[in-house]
Amino acid sequence: MKTYKGSCHCGAIRFTFSGPEIDHGLHCNCSMCRRKGAVMSEFVVAPGDISIEDQNNSLATYEFGQHVAKHHFCRKCGIYPFHQTLRKPGYYRINLGCVDEVDALALPVEVFDGASL
């Protein structure tokens, strides 16, 4: 396991998490993810393996459908740094574009069929 650091664009939300080496990413084709267009972590992060620092109550959450998945974003800059998953509630997928020293656009990506869930 490796420790990674990341943040939203303005830095109001900072996070640290442990996970395997990031060598590929994931796109989801659900209605929310299609619109975000983010490259997400293929792996999920357990709640005990992520530390989130939220300055000035900047972290907001959007829920839709079954209200199980929690899509988190920064109230100041609008960036989505991570979300809690539908398939494994409480666990996180990370927006790899928010992770320091990871070039998310250079990673090979797989497409997950979230639209069929």
PDB file of N, CA and C in Angstrom:
ATOM      1  N   MET A   1       0.839  -1.181   0.000  1.00  0.00           N
ATOM      2  CA  MET A   1       0.000   0.000   0.000  1.00  0.00           C
ATOM      3  C   MET A   1       0.884   1.245   0.000  1.00  0.00           C
ATOM      4  N   LYS A   2       0.403   2.258  -0.671  1.00  0.00           N
ATOM      5  CA  LYS A   2       1.129   3.513  -0.786  1.00  0.00           C
ATOM      6  C   LYS A   2       0.242   4.623  -0.227  1.00  0.00           C
ATOM      7  N   THR A   3       0.861   5.671   0.294  1.00  0.00           N
ATOM      8  CA  THR A   3       0.105   6.818   0.800  1.00  0.00           C
ATOM      9  C   THR A   3       0.120   7.923  -0.247  1.00  0.00           C
ATOM     10  N   TYR A   4      -1.057   8.458  -0.545  1.00  0.00           N
ATOM     11  CA  TYR A   4      -1.231   9.523  -1.528  1.00  0.00           C
ATOM     12  C   TYR A   4      -1.843  10.739  -0.846  1.00  0.00           C
ATOM     13  N   LYS A   5      -1.581  11.912  -1.421  1.00  0.00           N
ATOM     14  CA  LYS A   5      -2.179  13.160  -0.951  1.00  0.00           C
ATOM     15  C   LYS A   5      -2.872  13.823  -2.131  1.00  0.00           C
ATOM     16  N   GLY A   6      -3.922  14.580  -1.814  1.00  0.00           N
ATOM     17  CA  GLY A   6      -4.623  15.289  -2.868  1.00  0.00           C
ATOM     18  C   GLY A   6      -5.453  16.422  -2.302  1.00  0.00           C
ATOM     19  N   SER A   7      -6.097  17.150  -3.211  1.00  0.00           N
ATOM     20  CA  SER A   7      -6.939  18.272  -2.798  1.00  0.00           C
ATOM     21  C   SER A   7      -7.868  18.655  -3.933  1.00  0.00           C
ATOM     22  N   CYS A   8      -8.853  19.470  -3.576  1.00  0.00           N
ATOM     23  CA  CYS A   8      -9.675  20.108  -4.605  1.00  0.00           C
ATOM     24  C   CYS A   8      -8.811  21.202  -5.245  1.00  0.00           C
ATOM     25  N   HIS A   9      -9.364  21.967  -6.168  1.00  0.00           N
ATOM     26  CA  HIS A   9      -8.584  22.987  -6.862  1.00  0.00           C
ATOM     27  C   HIS A   9      -8.125  24.118  -5.949  1.00  0.00           C
ATOM     28  N   CYS A  10      -9.005  24.593  -5.063  1.00  0.00           N
ATOM     29  CA  CYS A  10      -8.667  25.735  -4.208  1.00  0.00           C
ATOM     30  C   CYS A  10      -7.946  25.326  -2.920  1.00  0.00           C
ATOM     31  N   GLY A  11      -7.891  24.031  -2.617  1.00  0.00           N
ATOM     32  CA  GLY A  11      -7.188  23.560  -1.420  1.00  0.00           C
ATOM     33  C   GLY A  11      -8.018  23.552  -0.147  1.00  0.00           C
ATOM     34  N   ALA A  12      -9.293  23.928  -0.233  1.00  0.00           N
ATOM     35  CA  ALA A  12     -10.139  23.926   0.962  1.00  0.00           C
ATOM     36  C   ALA A  12     -10.413  22.504   1.451  1.00  0.00           C
ATOM     37  N   ILE A  13     -10.367  21.543   0.531  1.00  0.00           N
ATOM     38  CA  ILE A  13     -10.520  20.132   0.883  1.00  0.00           C
ATOM     39  C   ILE A  13      -9.207  19.446   0.541  1.00  0.00           C
ATOM     40  N   ARG A  14      -8.594  18.877   1.561  1.00  0.00           N
ATOM     41  CA  ARG A  14      -7.354  18.117   1.392  1.00  0.00           C
ATOM     42  C   ARG A  14      -7.602  16.717   1.926  1.00  0.00           C
ATOM     43  N   PHE A  15      -6.937  15.754   1.324  1.00  0.00           N
ATOM     44  CA  PHE A  15      -7.129  14.381   1.779  1.00  0.00           C
ATOM     45  C   PHE A  15      -5.862  13.566   1.590  1.00  0.00           C
ATOM     46  N   THR A  16      -5.755  12.534   2.394  1.00  0.00           N
ATOM     47  CA  THR A  16      -4.656  11.571   2.330  1.00  0.00           C
ATOM     48  C   THR A  16      -5.308  10.198   2.370  1.00  0.00           C
ATOM     49  N   PHE A  17      -4.820   9.280   1.550  1.00  0.00           N
ATOM     50  CA  PHE A  17      -5.377   7.930   1.570  1.00  0.00           C
ATOM     51  C   PHE A  17      -4.293   6.906   1.256  1.00  0.00           C
ATOM     52  N   SER A  18      -4.560   5.681   1.646  1.00  0.00           N
ATOM     53  CA  SER A  18      -3.672   4.558   1.345  1.00  0.00           C
ATOM     54  C   SER A  18      -4.337   3.684   0.307  1.00  0.00           C
ATOM     55  N   GLY A  19      -3.548   3.241  -0.662  1.00  0.00           N
ATOM     56  CA  GLY A  19      -4.078   2.373  -1.712  1.00  0.00           C
ATOM     57  C   GLY A  19      -2.952   1.742  -2.487  1.00  0.00           C
ATOM     58  N   PRO A  20      -3.289   0.857  -3.416  1.00  0.00           N
ATOM     59  CA  PRO A  20      -2.263   0.237  -4.249  1.00  0.00           C
ATOM     60  C   PRO A  20      -1.676   1.258  -5.223  1.00  0.00           C
ATOM     61  N   GLU A  21      -0.620   0.874  -5.895  1.00  0.00           N
ATOM     62  CA  GLU A  21      -0.011   1.756  -6.892  1.00  0.00           C
ATOM     63  C   GLU A  21      -1.048   2.119  -7.950  1.00  0.00           C
ATOM     64  N   ILE A  22      -1.116   3.382  -8.282  1.00  0.00           N
ATOM     65  CA  ILE A  22      -2.076   3.857  -9.281  1.00  0.00           C
ATOM     66  C   ILE A  22      -1.430   3.731 -10.653  1.00  0.00           C
ATOM     67  N   ASP A  23      -1.888   2.738 -11.428  1.00  0.00           N
ATOM     68  CA  ASP A  23      -1.334   2.533 -12.760  1.00  0.00           C
ATOM     69  C   ASP A  23      -2.411   2.484 -13.840  1.00  0.00           C
ATOM     70  N   HIS A  24      -3.671   2.626 -13.437  1.00  0.00           N
ATOM     71  CA  HIS A  24      -4.776   2.748 -14.381  1.00  0.00           C
ATOM     72  C   HIS A  24      -5.967   3.368 -13.662  1.00  0.00           C
ATOM     73  N   GLY A  25      -6.943   3.773 -14.443  1.00  0.00           N
ATOM     74  CA  GLY A  25      -8.101   4.448 -13.871  1.00  0.00           C
ATOM     75  C   GLY A  25      -9.397   3.840 -14.351  1.00  0.00           C
ATOM     76  N   LEU A  26     -10.477   4.488 -13.974  1.00  0.00           N
ATOM     77  CA  LEU A  26     -11.810   3.977 -14.264  1.00  0.00           C
ATOM     78  C   LEU A  26     -12.726   5.132 -14.660  1.00  0.00           C
ATOM     79  N   HIS A  27     -13.518   4.919 -15.680  1.00  0.00           N
ATOM     80  CA  HIS A  27     -14.625   5.808 -16.032  1.00  0.00           C
ATOM     81  C   HIS A  27     -15.897   5.019 -15.772  1.00  0.00           C
ATOM     82  N   CYS A  28     -16.924   5.687 -15.322  1.00  0.00           N
ATOM     83  CA  CYS A  28     -18.231   5.070 -15.118  1.00  0.00           C
ATOM     84  C   CYS A  28     -19.198   5.729 -16.099  1.00  0.00           C
ATOM     85  N   ASN A  29     -20.137   4.942 -16.626  1.00  0.00           N
ATOM     86  CA  ASN A  29     -21.068   5.495 -17.607  1.00  0.00           C
ATOM     87  C   ASN A  29     -22.432   5.863 -17.017  1.00  0.00           C
ATOM     88  N   CYS A  30     -22.540   5.943 -15.671  1.00  0.00           N
ATOM     89  CA  CYS A  30     -23.817   6.367 -15.084  1.00  0.00           C
ATOM     90  C   CYS A  30     -24.042   7.846 -15.423  1.00  0.00           C
ATOM     91  N   SER A  31     -25.259   8.319 -15.211  1.00  0.00           N
ATOM     92  CA  SER A  31     -25.599   9.685 -15.602  1.00  0.00           C
ATOM     93  C   SER A  31     -24.734  10.732 -14.894  1.00  0.00           C
ATOM     94  N   MET A  32     -24.396  10.501 -13.644  1.00  0.00           N
ATOM     95  CA  MET A  32     -23.576  11.456 -12.888  1.00  0.00           C
ATOM     96  C   MET A  32     -22.128  11.451 -13.393  1.00  0.00           C
ATOM     97  N   CYS A  33     -21.539  10.276 -13.484  1.00  0.00           N
ATOM     98  CA  CYS A  33     -20.126  10.171 -13.869  1.00  0.00           C
ATOM     99  C   CYS A  33     -19.886  10.597 -15.314  1.00  0.00           C
ATOM    100  N   ARG A  34     -20.837  10.308 -16.202  1.00  0.00           N
ATOM    101  CA  ARG A  34     -20.691  10.765 -17.592  1.00  0.00           C
ATOM    102  C   ARG A  34     -20.546  12.271 -17.621  1.00  0.00           C
ATOM    103  N   ARG A  35     -21.302  12.962 -16.798  1.00  0.00           N
ATOM    104  CA  ARG A  35     -21.256  14.427 -16.779  1.00  0.00           C
ATOM    105  C   ARG A  35     -19.992  14.956 -16.115  1.00  0.00           C
ATOM    106  N   LYS A  36     -19.494  14.251 -15.090  1.00  0.00           N
ATOM    107  CA  LYS A  36     -18.257  14.682 -14.418  1.00  0.00           C
ATOM    108  C   LYS A  36     -17.049  14.427 -15.306  1.00  0.00           C
ATOM    109  N   GLY A  37     -17.030  13.282 -15.963  1.00  0.00           N
ATOM    110  CA  GLY A  37     -15.925  12.948 -16.856  1.00  0.00           C
ATOM    111  C   GLY A  37     -14.605  12.658 -16.157  1.00  0.00           C
ATOM    112  N   ALA A  38     -14.630  12.432 -14.876  1.00  0.00           N
ATOM    113  CA  ALA A  38     -13.393  12.240 -14.111  1.00  0.00           C
ATOM    114  C   ALA A  38     -12.823  10.838 -14.297  1.00  0.00           C
ATOM    115  N   VAL A  39     -11.518  10.741 -14.163  1.00  0.00           N
ATOM    116  CA  VAL A  39     -10.836   9.448 -14.083  1.00  0.00           C
ATOM    117  C   VAL A  39     -10.769   9.102 -12.599  1.00  0.00           C
ATOM    118  N   MET A  40     -11.431   8.014 -12.231  1.00  0.00           N
ATOM    119  CA  MET A  40     -11.509   7.616 -10.824  1.00  0.00           C
ATOM    120  C   MET A  40     -10.552   6.463 -10.537  1.00  0.00           C
ATOM    121  N   SER A  41     -10.303   6.263  -9.250  1.00  0.00           N
ATOM    122  CA  SER A  41      -9.516   5.104  -8.846  1.00  0.00           C
ATOM    123  C   SER A  41     -10.298   3.842  -9.174  1.00  0.00           C
ATOM    124  N   GLU A  42      -9.592   2.845  -9.661  1.00  0.00           N
ATOM    125  CA  GLU A  42     -10.210   1.555  -9.955  1.00  0.00           C
ATOM    126  C   GLU A  42     -10.513   0.839  -8.641  1.00  0.00           C
ATOM    127  N   PHE A  43      -9.695   1.062  -7.649  1.00  0.00           N
ATOM    128  CA  PHE A  43      -9.854   0.449  -6.327  1.00  0.00           C
ATOM    129  C   PHE A  43     -10.704   1.355  -5.439  1.00  0.00           C
ATOM    130  N   VAL A  44     -11.308   0.763  -4.409  1.00  0.00           N
ATOM    131  CA  VAL A  44     -12.033   1.550  -3.415  1.00  0.00           C
ATOM    132  C   VAL A  44     -11.158   1.703  -2.182  1.00  0.00           C
ATOM    133  N   VAL A  45     -11.388   2.782  -1.462  1.00  0.00           N
ATOM    134  CA  VAL A  45     -10.617   3.096  -0.261  1.00  0.00           C
ATOM    135  C   VAL A  45     -11.543   2.951   0.945  1.00  0.00           C
ATOM    136  N   ALA A  46     -11.105   2.152   1.915  1.00  0.00           N
ATOM    137  CA  ALA A  46     -11.879   1.950   3.134  1.00  0.00           C
ATOM    138  C   ALA A  46     -11.940   3.241   3.938  1.00  0.00           C
ATOM    139  N   PRO A  47     -13.031   3.463   4.668  1.00  0.00           N
ATOM    140  CA  PRO A  47     -13.154   4.696   5.463  1.00  0.00           C
ATOM    141  C   PRO A  47     -11.975   4.917   6.412  1.00  0.00           C
ATOM    142  N   GLY A  48     -11.403   3.865   6.943  1.00  0.00           N
ATOM    143  CA  GLY A  48     -10.260   4.000   7.847  1.00  0.00           C
ATOM    144  C   GLY A  48      -8.950   4.304   7.148  1.00  0.00           C
ATOM    145  N   ASP A  49      -8.953   4.244   5.795  1.00  0.00           N
ATOM    146  CA  ASP A  49      -7.731   4.487   5.022  1.00  0.00           C
ATOM    147  C   ASP A  49      -7.720   5.845   4.341  1.00  0.00           C
ATOM    148  N   ILE A  50      -8.685   6.707   4.683  1.00  0.00           N
ATOM    149  CA  ILE A  50      -8.705   8.059   4.123  1.00  0.00           C
ATOM    150  C   ILE A  50      -8.883   9.065   5.260  1.00  0.00           C
ATOM    151  N   SER A  51      -8.129  10.144   5.166  1.00  0.00           N
ATOM    152  CA  SER A  51      -8.240  11.239   6.119  1.00  0.00           C
ATOM    153  C   SER A  51      -8.630  12.480   5.319  1.00  0.00           C
ATOM    154  N   ILE A  52      -9.713  13.143   5.720  1.00  0.00           N
ATOM    155  CA  ILE A  52     -10.232  14.288   4.980  1.00  0.00           C
ATOM    156  C   ILE A  52     -10.169  15.528   5.858  1.00  0.00           C
ATOM    157  N   GLU A  53      -9.548  16.584   5.327  1.00  0.00           N
ATOM    158  CA  GLU A  53      -9.480  17.873   6.010  1.00  0.00           C
ATOM    159  C   GLU A  53     -10.371  18.844   5.246  1.00  0.00           C
ATOM    160  N   ASP A  54     -11.361  19.390   5.930  1.00  0.00           N
ATOM    161  CA  ASP A  54     -12.357  20.272   5.334  1.00  0.00           C
ATOM    162  C   ASP A  54     -12.261  21.649   5.985  1.00  0.00           C
ATOM    163  N   GLN A  55     -11.736  22.621   5.261  1.00  0.00           N
ATOM    164  CA  GLN A  55     -11.616  23.977   5.789  1.00  0.00           C
ATOM    165  C   GLN A  55     -12.916  24.742   5.573  1.00  0.00           C
ATOM    166  N   ASN A  56     -13.415  25.373   6.612  1.00  0.00           N
ATOM    167  CA  ASN A  56     -14.579  26.264   6.534  1.00  0.00           C
ATOM    168  C   ASN A  56     -15.841  25.596   5.994  1.00  0.00           C
ATOM    169  N   ASN A  57     -16.037  24.327   6.339  1.00  0.00           N
ATOM    170  CA  ASN A  57     -17.244  23.616   5.918  1.00  0.00           C
ATOM    171  C   ASN A  57     -17.425  23.668   4.398  1.00  0.00           C
ATOM    172  N   SER A  58     -16.340  23.426   3.668  1.00  0.00           N
ATOM    173  CA  SER A  58     -16.363  23.519   2.207  1.00  0.00           C
ATOM    174  C   SER A  58     -16.849  22.251   1.521  1.00  0.00           C
ATOM    175  N   LEU A  59     -16.850  21.132   2.230  1.00  0.00           N
ATOM    176  CA  LEU A  59     -17.248  19.861   1.622  1.00  0.00           C
ATOM    177  C   LEU A  59     -18.770  19.737   1.578  1.00  0.00           C
ATOM    178  N   ALA A  60     -19.295  19.590   0.373  1.00  0.00           N
ATOM    179  CA  ALA A  60     -20.737  19.401   0.179  1.00  0.00           C
ATOM    180  C   ALA A  60     -20.962  18.030  -0.449  1.00  0.00           C
ATOM    181  N   THR A  61     -22.190  17.556  -0.369  1.00  0.00           N
ATOM    182  CA  THR A  61     -22.520  16.223  -0.867  1.00  0.00           C
ATOM    183  C   THR A  61     -23.778  16.277  -1.711  1.00  0.00           C
ATOM    184  N   TYR A  62     -23.730  15.569  -2.832  1.00  0.00           N
ATOM    185  CA  TYR A  62     -24.894  15.427  -3.703  1.00  0.00           C
ATOM    186  C   TYR A  62     -25.287  13.960  -3.758  1.00  0.00           C
ATOM    187  N   GLU A  63     -26.577  13.685  -3.578  1.00  0.00           N
ATOM    188  CA  GLU A  63     -27.102  12.322  -3.659  1.00  0.00           C
ATOM    189  C   GLU A  63     -28.269  12.313  -4.642  1.00  0.00           C
ATOM    190  N   PHE A  64     -28.454  11.212  -5.327  1.00  0.00           N
ATOM    191  CA  PHE A  64     -29.611  11.066  -6.207  1.00  0.00           C
ATOM    192  C   PHE A  64     -29.994   9.593  -6.264  1.00  0.00           C
ATOM    193  N   GLY A  65     -31.069   9.286  -6.946  1.00  0.00           N
ATOM    194  CA  GLY A  65     -31.491   7.893  -7.108  1.00  0.00           C
ATOM    195  C   GLY A  65     -31.783   7.239  -5.766  1.00  0.00           C
ATOM    196  N   GLN A  66     -31.002   6.227  -5.431  1.00  0.00           N
ATOM    197  CA  GLN A  66     -31.197   5.461  -4.200  1.00  0.00           C
ATOM    198  C   GLN A  66     -30.627   6.159  -2.965  1.00  0.00           C
ATOM    199  N   HIS A  67     -29.924   7.257  -3.136  1.00  0.00           N
ATOM    200  CA  HIS A  67     -29.311   8.028  -2.042  1.00  0.00           C
ATOM    201  C   HIS A  67     -28.302   7.204  -1.246  1.00  0.00           C
ATOM    202  N   VAL A  68     -27.644   6.259  -1.906  1.00  0.00           N
ATOM    203  CA  VAL A  68     -26.599   5.456  -1.262  1.00  0.00           C
ATOM    204  C   VAL A  68     -25.233   6.039  -1.602  1.00  0.00           C
ATOM    205  N   ALA A  69     -24.998   6.281  -2.892  1.00  0.00           N
ATOM    206  CA  ALA A  69     -23.738   6.899  -3.308  1.00  0.00           C
ATOM    207  C   ALA A  69     -23.741   8.357  -2.854  1.00  0.00           C
ATOM    208  N   LYS A  70     -22.601   8.828  -2.382  1.00  0.00           N
ATOM    209  CA  LYS A  70     -22.457  10.197  -1.899  1.00  0.00           C
ATOM    210  C   LYS A  70     -21.365  10.870  -2.745  1.00  0.00           C
ATOM    211  N   HIS A  71     -21.759  11.801  -3.590  1.00  0.00           N
ATOM    212  CA  HIS A  71     -20.831  12.503  -4.478  1.00  0.00           C
ATOM    213  C   HIS A  71     -20.411  13.789  -3.789  1.00  0.00           C
ATOM    214  N   HIS A  72     -19.166  13.850  -3.353  1.00  0.00           N
ATOM    215  CA  HIS A  72     -18.665  14.994  -2.591  1.00  0.00           C
ATOM    216  C   HIS A  72     -17.990  15.998  -3.519  1.00  0.00           C
ATOM    217  N   PHE A  73     -18.174  17.287  -3.199  1.00  0.00           N
ATOM    218  CA  PHE A  73     -17.549  18.340  -3.998  1.00  0.00           C
ATOM    219  C   PHE A  73     -17.256  19.537  -3.099  1.00  0.00           C
ATOM    220  N   CYS A  74     -16.414  20.427  -3.580  1.00  0.00           N
ATOM    221  CA  CYS A  74     -16.037  21.624  -2.834  1.00  0.00           C
ATOM    222  C   CYS A  74     -17.021  22.754  -3.132  1.00  0.00           C
ATOM    223  N   ARG A  75     -17.559  23.357  -2.082  1.00  0.00           N
ATOM    224  CA  ARG A  75     -18.493  24.483  -2.237  1.00  0.00           C
ATOM    225  C   ARG A  75     -17.811  25.708  -2.850  1.00  0.00           C
ATOM    226  N   LYS A  76     -16.495  25.838  -2.666  1.00  0.00           N
ATOM    227  CA  LYS A  76     -15.786  27.022  -3.155  1.00  0.00           C
ATOM    228  C   LYS A  76     -15.417  26.903  -4.634  1.00  0.00           C
ATOM    229  N   CYS A  77     -14.739  25.805  -5.008  1.00  0.00           N
ATOM    230  CA  CYS A  77     -14.245  25.697  -6.383  1.00  0.00           C
ATOM    231  C   CYS A  77     -15.043  24.724  -7.250  1.00  0.00           C
ATOM    232  N   GLY A  78     -15.930  23.937  -6.646  1.00  0.00           N
ATOM    233  CA  GLY A  78     -16.793  23.041  -7.402  1.00  0.00           C
ATOM    234  C   GLY A  78     -16.194  21.697  -7.773  1.00  0.00           C
ATOM    235  N   ILE A  79     -14.948  21.474  -7.425  1.00  0.00           N
ATOM    236  CA  ILE A  79     -14.274  20.234  -7.829  1.00  0.00           C
ATOM    237  C   ILE A  79     -14.752  19.047  -7.007  1.00  0.00           C
ATOM    238  N   TYR A  80     -14.899  17.908  -7.680  1.00  0.00           N
ATOM    239  CA  TYR A  80     -15.266  16.631  -7.068  1.00  0.00           C
ATOM    240  C   TYR A  80     -13.981  15.860  -6.762  1.00  0.00           C
ATOM    241  N   PRO A  81     -13.577  15.730  -5.487  1.00  0.00           N
ATOM    242  CA  PRO A  81     -12.342  15.004  -5.178  1.00  0.00           C
ATOM    243  C   PRO A  81     -12.538  13.502  -4.939  1.00  0.00           C
ATOM    244  N   PHE A  82     -13.732  13.086  -4.515  1.00  0.00           N
ATOM    245  CA  PHE A  82     -13.990  11.675  -4.217  1.00  0.00           C
ATOM    246  C   PHE A  82     -15.486  11.470  -4.024  1.00  0.00           C
ATOM    247  N   HIS A  83     -15.885  10.198  -4.038  1.00  0.00           N
ATOM    248  CA  HIS A  83     -17.287   9.869  -3.733  1.00  0.00           C
ATOM    249  C   HIS A  83     -17.341   8.549  -2.978  1.00  0.00           C
ATOM    250  N   GLN A  84     -18.441   8.356  -2.279  1.00  0.00           N
ATOM    251  CA  GLN A  84     -18.693   7.084  -1.611  1.00  0.00           C
ATOM    252  C   GLN A  84     -19.573   6.264  -2.550  1.00  0.00           C
ATOM    253  N   THR A  85     -19.250   4.993  -2.695  1.00  0.00           N
ATOM    254  CA  THR A  85     -19.802   4.188  -3.773  1.00  0.00           C
ATOM    255  C   THR A  85     -21.181   3.597  -3.499  1.00  0.00           C
ATOM    256  N   LEU A  86     -21.856   3.288  -4.572  1.00  0.00           N
ATOM    257  CA  LEU A  86     -23.150   2.621  -4.510  1.00  0.00           C
ATOM    258  C   LEU A  86     -22.961   1.142  -4.190  1.00  0.00           C
ATOM    259  N   ARG A  87     -21.988   0.524  -4.849  1.00  0.00           N
ATOM    260  CA  ARG A  87     -21.807  -0.931  -4.689  1.00  0.00           C
ATOM    261  C   ARG A  87     -21.169  -1.319  -3.371  1.00  0.00           C
ATOM    262  N   LYS A  88     -20.409  -0.419  -2.766  1.00  0.00           N
ATOM    263  CA  LYS A  88     -19.777  -0.691  -1.480  1.00  0.00           C
ATOM    264  C   LYS A  88     -19.956   0.543  -0.608  1.00  0.00           C
ATOM    265  N   PRO A  89     -21.147   0.741  -0.052  1.00  0.00           N
ATOM    266  CA  PRO A  89     -21.456   1.954   0.703  1.00  0.00           C
ATOM    267  C   PRO A  89     -20.424   2.267   1.791  1.00  0.00           C
ATOM    268  N   GLY A  90     -20.079   3.556   1.869  1.00  0.00           N
ATOM    269  CA  GLY A  90     -19.110   4.002   2.862  1.00  0.00           C
ATOM    270  C   GLY A  90     -17.679   3.983   2.370  1.00  0.00           C
ATOM    271  N   TYR A  91     -17.396   3.229   1.312  1.00  0.00           N
ATOM    272  CA  TYR A  91     -16.057   3.167   0.724  1.00  0.00           C
ATOM    273  C   TYR A  91     -15.947   4.230  -0.361  1.00  0.00           C
ATOM    274  N   TYR A  92     -14.732   4.677  -0.620  1.00  0.00           N
ATOM    275  CA  TYR A  92     -14.488   5.806  -1.510  1.00  0.00           C
ATOM    276  C   TYR A  92     -13.813   5.400  -2.811  1.00  0.00           C
ATOM    277  N   ARG A  93     -14.165   6.086  -3.875  1.00  0.00           N
ATOM    278  CA  ARG A  93     -13.369   6.132  -5.102  1.00  0.00           C
ATOM    279  C   ARG A  93     -12.839   7.558  -5.170  1.00  0.00           C
ATOM    280  N   ILE A  94     -11.634   7.683  -5.658  1.00  0.00           N
ATOM    281  CA  ILE A  94     -10.926   8.964  -5.672  1.00  0.00           C
ATOM    282  C   ILE A  94     -10.869   9.518  -7.091  1.00  0.00           C
ATOM    283  N   ASN A  95     -11.081  10.811  -7.248  1.00  0.00           N
ATOM    284  CA  ASN A  95     -10.865  11.487  -8.524  1.00  0.00           C
ATOM    285  C   ASN A  95      -9.351  11.613  -8.684  1.00  0.00           C
ATOM    286  N   LEU A  96      -8.775  10.822  -9.585  1.00  0.00           N
ATOM    287  CA  LEU A  96      -7.319  10.784  -9.722  1.00  0.00           C
ATOM    288  C   LEU A  96      -6.739  12.097 -10.220  1.00  0.00           C
ATOM    289  N   GLY A  97      -7.548  12.957 -10.813  1.00  0.00           N
ATOM    290  CA  GLY A  97      -7.097  14.287 -11.212  1.00  0.00           C
ATOM    291  C   GLY A  97      -6.804  15.186 -10.024  1.00  0.00           C
ATOM    292  N   CYS A  98      -7.265  14.794  -8.840  1.00  0.00           N
ATOM    293  CA  CYS A  98      -7.031  15.567  -7.613  1.00  0.00           C
ATOM    294  C   CYS A  98      -5.864  15.034  -6.793  1.00  0.00           C
ATOM    295  N   VAL A  99      -5.246  13.964  -7.243  1.00  0.00           N
ATOM    296  CA  VAL A  99      -4.161  13.333  -6.492  1.00  0.00           C
ATOM    297  C   VAL A  99      -2.824  13.920  -6.930  1.00  0.00           C
ATOM    298  N   ASP A 100      -2.055  14.399  -5.956  1.00  0.00           N
ATOM    299  CA  ASP A 100      -0.732  14.958  -6.240  1.00  0.00           C
ATOM    300  C   ASP A 100       0.139  13.908  -6.939  1.00  0.00           C
ATOM    301  N   GLU A 101       0.902  14.349  -7.896  1.00  0.00           N
ATOM    302  CA  GLU A 101       1.889  13.525  -8.597  1.00  0.00           C
ATOM    303  C   GLU A 101       1.296  12.370  -9.396  1.00  0.00           C
ATOM    304  N   VAL A 102       0.011  12.436  -9.747  1.00  0.00           N
ATOM    305  CA  VAL A 102      -0.608  11.449 -10.629  1.00  0.00           C
ATOM    306  C   VAL A 102      -1.124  12.189 -11.848  1.00  0.00           C
ATOM    307  N   ASP A 103      -0.728  11.737 -13.042  1.00  0.00           N
ATOM    308  CA  ASP A 103      -1.228  12.319 -14.283  1.00  0.00           C
ATOM    309  C   ASP A 103      -2.394  11.454 -14.755  1.00  0.00           C
ATOM    310  N   ALA A 104      -3.589  11.785 -14.283  1.00  0.00           N
ATOM    311  CA  ALA A 104      -4.771  10.975 -14.558  1.00  0.00           C
ATOM    312  C   ALA A 104      -5.044  10.821 -16.055  1.00  0.00           C
ATOM    313  N   LEU A 105      -4.736  11.842 -16.833  1.00  0.00           N
ATOM    314  CA  LEU A 105      -5.028  11.787 -18.264  1.00  0.00           C
ATOM    315  C   LEU A 105      -4.068  10.893 -19.035  1.00  0.00           C
ATOM    316  N   ALA A 106      -2.949  10.505 -18.421  1.00  0.00           N
ATOM    317  CA  ALA A 106      -1.986   9.619 -19.073  1.00  0.00           C
ATOM    318  C   ALA A 106      -2.237   8.146 -18.746  1.00  0.00           C
ATOM    319  N   LEU A 107      -3.169   7.867 -17.845  1.00  0.00           N
ATOM    320  CA  LEU A 107      -3.435   6.492 -17.413  1.00  0.00           C
ATOM    321  C   LEU A 107      -4.367   5.763 -18.375  1.00  0.00           C
ATOM    322  N   PRO A 108      -4.131   4.464 -18.589  1.00  0.00           N
ATOM    323  CA  PRO A 108      -5.140   3.685 -19.307  1.00  0.00           C
ATOM    324  C   PRO A 108      -6.385   3.588 -18.416  1.00  0.00           C
ATOM    325  N   VAL A 109      -7.552   3.631 -19.045  1.00  0.00           N
ATOM    326  CA  VAL A 109      -8.806   3.581 -18.261  1.00  0.00           C
ATOM    327  C   VAL A 109      -9.710   2.459 -18.754  1.00  0.00           C
ATOM    328  N   GLU A 110     -10.470   1.956 -17.822  1.00  0.00           N
ATOM    329  CA  GLU A 110     -11.478   0.939 -18.066  1.00  0.00           C
ATOM    330  C   GLU A 110     -12.830   1.615 -17.868  1.00  0.00           C
ATOM    331  N   VAL A 111     -13.861   1.151 -18.552  1.00  0.00           N
ATOM    332  CA  VAL A 111     -15.198   1.711 -18.375  1.00  0.00           C
ATOM    333  C   VAL A 111     -16.044   0.721 -17.576  1.00  0.00           C
ATOM    334  N   PHE A 112     -16.649   1.243 -16.516  1.00  0.00           N
ATOM    335  CA  PHE A 112     -17.541   0.469 -15.660  1.00  0.00           C
ATOM    336  C   PHE A 112     -18.982   0.781 -16.043  1.00  0.00           C
ATOM    337  N   ASP A 113     -19.822  -0.237 -16.147  1.00  0.00           N
ATOM    338  CA  ASP A 113     -21.209  -0.045 -16.547  1.00  0.00           C
ATOM    339  C   ASP A 113     -22.095   0.284 -15.343  1.00  0.00           C
ATOM    340  N   GLY A 114     -21.966   1.486 -14.832  1.00  0.00           N
ATOM    341  CA  GLY A 114     -22.795   1.938 -13.714  1.00  0.00           C
ATOM    342  C   GLY A 114     -24.200   2.295 -14.155  1.00  0.00           C
ATOM    343  N   ALA A 115     -24.405   2.527 -15.442  1.00  0.00           N
ATOM    344  CA  ALA A 115     -25.719   2.885 -15.947  1.00  0.00           C
ATOM    345  C   ALA A 115     -26.706   1.726 -15.812  1.00  0.00           C
ATOM    346  N   SER A 116     -26.203   0.517 -15.751  1.00  0.00           N
ATOM    347  CA  SER A 116     -27.077  -0.661 -15.669  1.00  0.00           C
ATOM    348  C   SER A 116     -27.410  -1.069 -14.246  1.00  0.00           C
ATOM    349  N   LEU A 117     -26.877  -0.345 -13.251  1.00  0.00           N
ATOM    350  CA  LEU A 117     -27.163  -0.706 -11.862  1.00  0.00           C
ATOM    351  C   LEU A 117     -28.504  -0.196 -11.410  1.00  0.00           C
TER     352      LEU A 117
END
